[in-house]
N, C-alpha and C. Protein backbone atom coordinates (compact mmCIF):
# COMPACT_ATOMS: atom_id res chain seq x y z
N MET A 1 0.84 -1.18 0.00
CA MET A 1 0.00 0.00 0.00
C MET A 1 0.88 1.23 0.00
N GLU A 2 0.37 2.25 -0.65
CA GLU A 2 1.17 3.46 -0.81
C GLU A 2 0.29 4.69 -0.54
N GLU A 3 0.63 5.45 0.53
CA GLU A 3 -0.11 6.66 0.85
C GLU A 3 0.19 7.73 -0.17
N ALA A 4 -0.83 8.43 -0.60
CA ALA A 4 -0.66 9.50 -1.58
C ALA A 4 0.25 10.59 -1.02
N GLN A 5 1.17 11.03 -1.82
CA GLN A 5 2.08 12.09 -1.41
C GLN A 5 1.37 13.43 -1.47
N GLY A 6 1.08 13.99 -0.31
CA GLY A 6 0.48 15.31 -0.24
C GLY A 6 -1.01 15.34 -0.43
N LEU A 7 -1.55 14.59 -1.37
CA LEU A 7 -2.96 14.64 -1.71
C LEU A 7 -3.83 14.38 -0.49
N VAL A 8 -4.86 15.23 -0.30
CA VAL A 8 -5.78 15.09 0.82
C VAL A 8 -7.22 15.20 0.30
N LYS A 9 -8.06 14.29 0.76
CA LYS A 9 -9.50 14.32 0.46
C LYS A 9 -10.22 14.84 1.69
N HIS A 10 -11.16 15.76 1.46
CA HIS A 10 -11.98 16.37 2.51
C HIS A 10 -13.40 15.90 2.22
N VAL A 11 -13.94 15.07 3.11
CA VAL A 11 -15.25 14.46 2.89
C VAL A 11 -16.24 14.95 3.95
N LEU A 12 -17.41 15.37 3.49
CA LEU A 12 -18.46 15.83 4.38
C LEU A 12 -19.71 15.00 4.10
N LEU A 13 -20.25 14.38 5.15
CA LEU A 13 -21.52 13.67 5.07
C LEU A 13 -22.58 14.55 5.70
N ALA A 14 -23.72 14.69 5.02
CA ALA A 14 -24.74 15.63 5.49
C ALA A 14 -26.12 15.01 5.54
N LYS A 15 -26.88 15.40 6.55
CA LYS A 15 -28.31 15.14 6.63
C LYS A 15 -28.96 16.51 6.78
N PHE A 16 -29.72 16.91 5.78
CA PHE A 16 -30.39 18.20 5.85
C PHE A 16 -31.55 18.14 6.84
N LYS A 17 -31.86 19.28 7.45
CA LYS A 17 -32.98 19.36 8.39
C LYS A 17 -34.28 19.07 7.66
N ASP A 18 -35.22 18.46 8.40
CA ASP A 18 -36.55 18.26 7.85
C ASP A 18 -37.13 19.61 7.47
N GLY A 19 -37.83 19.67 6.36
CA GLY A 19 -38.46 20.91 5.94
C GLY A 19 -37.61 21.76 5.01
N ILE A 20 -36.33 21.40 4.82
CA ILE A 20 -35.50 22.12 3.86
C ILE A 20 -35.93 21.66 2.47
N SER A 21 -36.33 22.59 1.62
CA SER A 21 -36.85 22.23 0.30
C SER A 21 -35.75 21.75 -0.63
N GLU A 22 -36.14 20.97 -1.63
CA GLU A 22 -35.19 20.51 -2.64
C GLU A 22 -34.54 21.69 -3.36
N SER A 23 -35.31 22.75 -3.60
CA SER A 23 -34.73 23.92 -4.28
C SER A 23 -33.68 24.60 -3.40
N LYS A 24 -33.89 24.62 -2.09
CA LYS A 24 -32.91 25.19 -1.17
C LYS A 24 -31.66 24.31 -1.14
N ILE A 25 -31.85 22.99 -1.13
CA ILE A 25 -30.71 22.07 -1.16
C ILE A 25 -29.92 22.27 -2.44
N GLU A 26 -30.60 22.39 -3.58
CA GLU A 26 -29.91 22.63 -4.86
C GLU A 26 -29.13 23.94 -4.83
N GLU A 27 -29.71 24.97 -4.24
CA GLU A 27 -29.03 26.27 -4.11
C GLU A 27 -27.77 26.14 -3.26
N LEU A 28 -27.86 25.40 -2.16
CA LEU A 28 -26.70 25.19 -1.29
C LEU A 28 -25.61 24.40 -2.01
N ILE A 29 -26.01 23.39 -2.77
CA ILE A 29 -25.02 22.59 -3.51
C ILE A 29 -24.33 23.45 -4.55
N LYS A 30 -25.06 24.32 -5.22
CA LYS A 30 -24.44 25.23 -6.20
C LYS A 30 -23.42 26.14 -5.50
N GLY A 31 -23.76 26.62 -4.31
CA GLY A 31 -22.83 27.44 -3.55
C GLY A 31 -21.59 26.68 -3.15
N TYR A 32 -21.76 25.42 -2.73
CA TYR A 32 -20.62 24.57 -2.36
C TYR A 32 -19.75 24.34 -3.59
N THR A 33 -20.38 24.02 -4.71
CA THR A 33 -19.66 23.77 -5.96
C THR A 33 -18.82 24.98 -6.37
N ASN A 34 -19.36 26.17 -6.16
CA ASN A 34 -18.67 27.39 -6.57
C ASN A 34 -17.41 27.67 -5.76
N LEU A 35 -17.28 27.07 -4.58
CA LEU A 35 -16.09 27.31 -3.77
C LEU A 35 -14.81 26.92 -4.52
N VAL A 36 -14.89 25.92 -5.39
CA VAL A 36 -13.71 25.49 -6.15
C VAL A 36 -13.20 26.62 -7.05
N ASN A 37 -14.07 27.54 -7.44
CA ASN A 37 -13.68 28.69 -8.25
C ASN A 37 -13.14 29.86 -7.42
N LEU A 38 -13.38 29.82 -6.12
CA LEU A 38 -13.03 30.94 -5.24
C LEU A 38 -11.82 30.67 -4.36
N ILE A 39 -11.53 29.40 -4.11
CA ILE A 39 -10.49 29.05 -3.13
C ILE A 39 -9.44 28.20 -3.84
N GLU A 40 -8.28 28.78 -4.09
CA GLU A 40 -7.23 28.16 -4.92
C GLU A 40 -6.80 26.77 -4.46
N PRO A 41 -6.61 26.52 -3.16
CA PRO A 41 -6.14 25.19 -2.77
C PRO A 41 -7.14 24.06 -3.05
N MET A 42 -8.41 24.41 -3.25
CA MET A 42 -9.44 23.41 -3.54
C MET A 42 -9.34 23.04 -5.02
N LYS A 43 -8.84 21.82 -5.29
CA LYS A 43 -8.52 21.42 -6.67
C LYS A 43 -9.70 20.79 -7.41
N SER A 44 -10.57 20.10 -6.68
CA SER A 44 -11.74 19.50 -7.32
C SER A 44 -12.83 19.29 -6.29
N PHE A 45 -14.04 19.07 -6.79
CA PHE A 45 -15.21 18.91 -5.94
C PHE A 45 -16.18 17.92 -6.59
N ASN A 46 -16.67 16.98 -5.80
CA ASN A 46 -17.68 16.02 -6.24
C ASN A 46 -18.74 15.92 -5.16
N TRP A 47 -19.94 15.59 -5.56
CA TRP A 47 -20.99 15.35 -4.57
C TRP A 47 -21.95 14.31 -5.12
N GLY A 48 -22.74 13.72 -4.22
CA GLY A 48 -23.75 12.76 -4.62
C GLY A 48 -24.70 12.47 -3.48
N LYS A 49 -25.78 11.79 -3.83
CA LYS A 49 -26.79 11.37 -2.85
C LYS A 49 -26.63 9.88 -2.59
N ASP A 50 -26.98 9.48 -1.38
CA ASP A 50 -26.91 8.07 -1.00
C ASP A 50 -27.80 7.23 -1.91
N VAL A 51 -27.23 6.16 -2.44
CA VAL A 51 -27.99 5.23 -3.28
C VAL A 51 -27.85 3.78 -2.77
N SER A 52 -27.32 3.62 -1.58
CA SER A 52 -27.05 2.30 -1.03
C SER A 52 -28.34 1.58 -0.67
N PHE A 53 -28.38 0.29 -0.91
CA PHE A 53 -29.51 -0.55 -0.52
C PHE A 53 -29.29 -1.19 0.86
N GLU A 54 -28.11 -0.95 1.46
CA GLU A 54 -27.79 -1.56 2.75
C GLU A 54 -28.47 -0.89 3.93
N ASN A 55 -28.96 0.34 3.74
CA ASN A 55 -29.64 1.09 4.79
C ASN A 55 -28.76 1.29 6.03
N LEU A 56 -27.49 1.59 5.80
CA LEU A 56 -26.56 1.85 6.90
C LEU A 56 -26.14 3.33 6.95
N HIS A 57 -26.87 4.18 6.28
CA HIS A 57 -26.51 5.60 6.14
C HIS A 57 -26.72 6.43 7.40
N GLN A 58 -27.44 5.90 8.39
CA GLN A 58 -27.70 6.59 9.65
C GLN A 58 -28.34 7.96 9.44
N GLY A 59 -29.11 8.09 8.37
CA GLY A 59 -29.82 9.34 8.10
C GLY A 59 -29.06 10.30 7.20
N PHE A 60 -27.78 10.05 6.95
CA PHE A 60 -27.01 10.91 6.06
C PHE A 60 -27.48 10.67 4.63
N THR A 61 -27.71 11.75 3.91
CA THR A 61 -28.29 11.64 2.57
C THR A 61 -27.35 12.12 1.46
N HIS A 62 -26.40 12.99 1.78
CA HIS A 62 -25.53 13.60 0.78
C HIS A 62 -24.06 13.46 1.18
N VAL A 63 -23.21 13.30 0.18
CA VAL A 63 -21.76 13.23 0.37
C VAL A 63 -21.11 14.31 -0.49
N PHE A 64 -20.18 15.05 0.09
CA PHE A 64 -19.44 16.09 -0.61
C PHE A 64 -17.96 15.80 -0.43
N GLU A 65 -17.20 15.77 -1.53
CA GLU A 65 -15.78 15.45 -1.46
C GLU A 65 -14.97 16.49 -2.22
N SER A 66 -14.00 17.07 -1.54
CA SER A 66 -13.08 18.04 -2.15
C SER A 66 -11.68 17.46 -2.10
N THR A 67 -10.87 17.84 -3.09
CA THR A 67 -9.49 17.37 -3.16
C THR A 67 -8.54 18.55 -3.01
N PHE A 68 -7.51 18.34 -2.21
CA PHE A 68 -6.48 19.34 -1.95
C PHE A 68 -5.11 18.70 -2.15
N GLU A 69 -4.10 19.52 -2.41
CA GLU A 69 -2.74 19.01 -2.62
C GLU A 69 -1.99 18.74 -1.32
N SER A 70 -2.52 19.25 -0.19
CA SER A 70 -1.82 19.08 1.09
C SER A 70 -2.76 19.38 2.24
N THR A 71 -2.34 19.00 3.46
CA THR A 71 -3.11 19.35 4.64
C THR A 71 -3.09 20.87 4.86
N GLU A 72 -2.00 21.51 4.43
CA GLU A 72 -1.93 22.98 4.52
C GLU A 72 -2.99 23.61 3.63
N GLY A 73 -3.24 23.00 2.47
CA GLY A 73 -4.29 23.49 1.57
C GLY A 73 -5.66 23.39 2.20
N VAL A 74 -5.91 22.30 2.93
CA VAL A 74 -7.19 22.15 3.64
C VAL A 74 -7.31 23.24 4.70
N ALA A 75 -6.24 23.50 5.44
CA ALA A 75 -6.26 24.54 6.48
C ALA A 75 -6.53 25.91 5.87
N GLU A 76 -5.92 26.19 4.73
CA GLU A 76 -6.16 27.46 4.04
C GLU A 76 -7.62 27.58 3.59
N TYR A 77 -8.16 26.49 3.08
CA TYR A 77 -9.56 26.43 2.66
C TYR A 77 -10.50 26.70 3.83
N VAL A 78 -10.27 26.01 4.95
CA VAL A 78 -11.13 26.14 6.12
C VAL A 78 -11.15 27.58 6.64
N ALA A 79 -10.01 28.26 6.58
CA ALA A 79 -9.90 29.63 7.09
C ALA A 79 -10.31 30.70 6.07
N HIS A 80 -10.48 30.32 4.81
CA HIS A 80 -10.78 31.29 3.75
C HIS A 80 -12.15 31.94 4.00
N PRO A 81 -12.24 33.27 3.88
CA PRO A 81 -13.52 33.97 4.14
C PRO A 81 -14.70 33.43 3.32
N ALA A 82 -14.48 33.03 2.08
CA ALA A 82 -15.57 32.48 1.27
C ALA A 82 -16.09 31.17 1.87
N HIS A 83 -15.17 30.34 2.39
CA HIS A 83 -15.57 29.09 3.04
C HIS A 83 -16.28 29.37 4.35
N VAL A 84 -15.75 30.29 5.15
CA VAL A 84 -16.35 30.61 6.45
C VAL A 84 -17.79 31.08 6.25
N ASP A 85 -17.99 32.01 5.32
CA ASP A 85 -19.34 32.52 5.05
C ASP A 85 -20.27 31.41 4.57
N PHE A 86 -19.79 30.60 3.62
CA PHE A 86 -20.62 29.53 3.10
C PHE A 86 -20.91 28.49 4.17
N ALA A 87 -19.90 28.11 4.95
CA ALA A 87 -20.07 27.08 5.98
C ALA A 87 -21.13 27.49 7.00
N ASN A 88 -21.14 28.76 7.38
CA ASN A 88 -22.15 29.24 8.34
C ASN A 88 -23.55 29.04 7.77
N LEU A 89 -23.74 29.37 6.51
CA LEU A 89 -25.04 29.19 5.85
C LEU A 89 -25.37 27.71 5.71
N PHE A 90 -24.43 26.93 5.17
CA PHE A 90 -24.65 25.52 4.89
C PHE A 90 -24.97 24.75 6.16
N LEU A 91 -24.14 24.92 7.19
CA LEU A 91 -24.31 24.16 8.43
C LEU A 91 -25.62 24.49 9.13
N SER A 92 -26.12 25.70 8.96
CA SER A 92 -27.39 26.07 9.60
C SER A 92 -28.57 25.31 9.00
N ASN A 93 -28.39 24.67 7.86
CA ASN A 93 -29.43 23.89 7.21
C ASN A 93 -29.30 22.38 7.44
N LEU A 94 -28.30 21.98 8.24
CA LEU A 94 -28.04 20.57 8.47
C LEU A 94 -28.50 20.13 9.85
N GLU A 95 -29.03 18.92 9.90
CA GLU A 95 -29.37 18.29 11.17
C GLU A 95 -28.15 17.55 11.73
N LYS A 96 -27.41 16.87 10.81
CA LYS A 96 -26.22 16.12 11.21
C LYS A 96 -25.14 16.32 10.16
N VAL A 97 -23.90 16.29 10.63
CA VAL A 97 -22.76 16.42 9.71
C VAL A 97 -21.57 15.66 10.28
N ILE A 98 -20.81 15.06 9.38
CA ILE A 98 -19.52 14.44 9.72
C ILE A 98 -18.53 14.94 8.69
N VAL A 99 -17.35 15.34 9.14
CA VAL A 99 -16.28 15.77 8.24
C VAL A 99 -15.04 14.93 8.54
N ILE A 100 -14.45 14.38 7.48
CA ILE A 100 -13.23 13.59 7.61
C ILE A 100 -12.26 14.03 6.53
N ASP A 101 -11.01 14.26 6.92
CA ASP A 101 -9.93 14.53 5.96
C ASP A 101 -9.01 13.31 5.99
N TYR A 102 -8.63 12.85 4.81
CA TYR A 102 -7.73 11.68 4.77
C TYR A 102 -6.81 11.76 3.56
N LYS A 103 -5.69 11.05 3.69
CA LYS A 103 -4.77 10.90 2.57
C LYS A 103 -5.06 9.54 1.94
N PRO A 104 -5.49 9.52 0.68
CA PRO A 104 -5.82 8.25 0.04
C PRO A 104 -4.61 7.31 -0.04
N THR A 105 -4.87 6.05 0.17
CA THR A 105 -3.85 5.03 0.07
C THR A 105 -4.18 4.15 -1.13
N THR A 106 -3.22 4.00 -2.03
CA THR A 106 -3.40 3.15 -3.19
C THR A 106 -2.94 1.74 -2.85
N VAL A 107 -3.78 0.78 -3.18
CA VAL A 107 -3.45 -0.62 -2.94
C VAL A 107 -3.08 -1.25 -4.27
N HIS A 108 -1.89 -1.80 -4.32
CA HIS A 108 -1.42 -2.48 -5.53
C HIS A 108 -1.58 -3.97 -5.32
N VAL A 109 -2.32 -4.63 -6.21
CA VAL A 109 -2.51 -6.08 -6.07
C VAL A 109 -1.88 -6.82 -7.23
């Protein structure tokens, strides 16, 4: 196994509050997506909704994943005014959230 050199994934699992409309969720996702254009260390962004049939999601419905070149890049992103403003808005619409940063490990078989 080989840990990625520098590369860091920032993963956020979200459960939106009951009563948050689909249009509001779409608006929030567009705002999250736009951060990649505003914050240089954020290299890419992906998101999706839970599609698992295992029913182990514990109420989490959405996954957001950002890629950074280093842990320093994640720290810069977290402190960036555009992220701070967006995070305050985004988090106020969530019932539950989990955030994990990790360095991907490649497995060679």
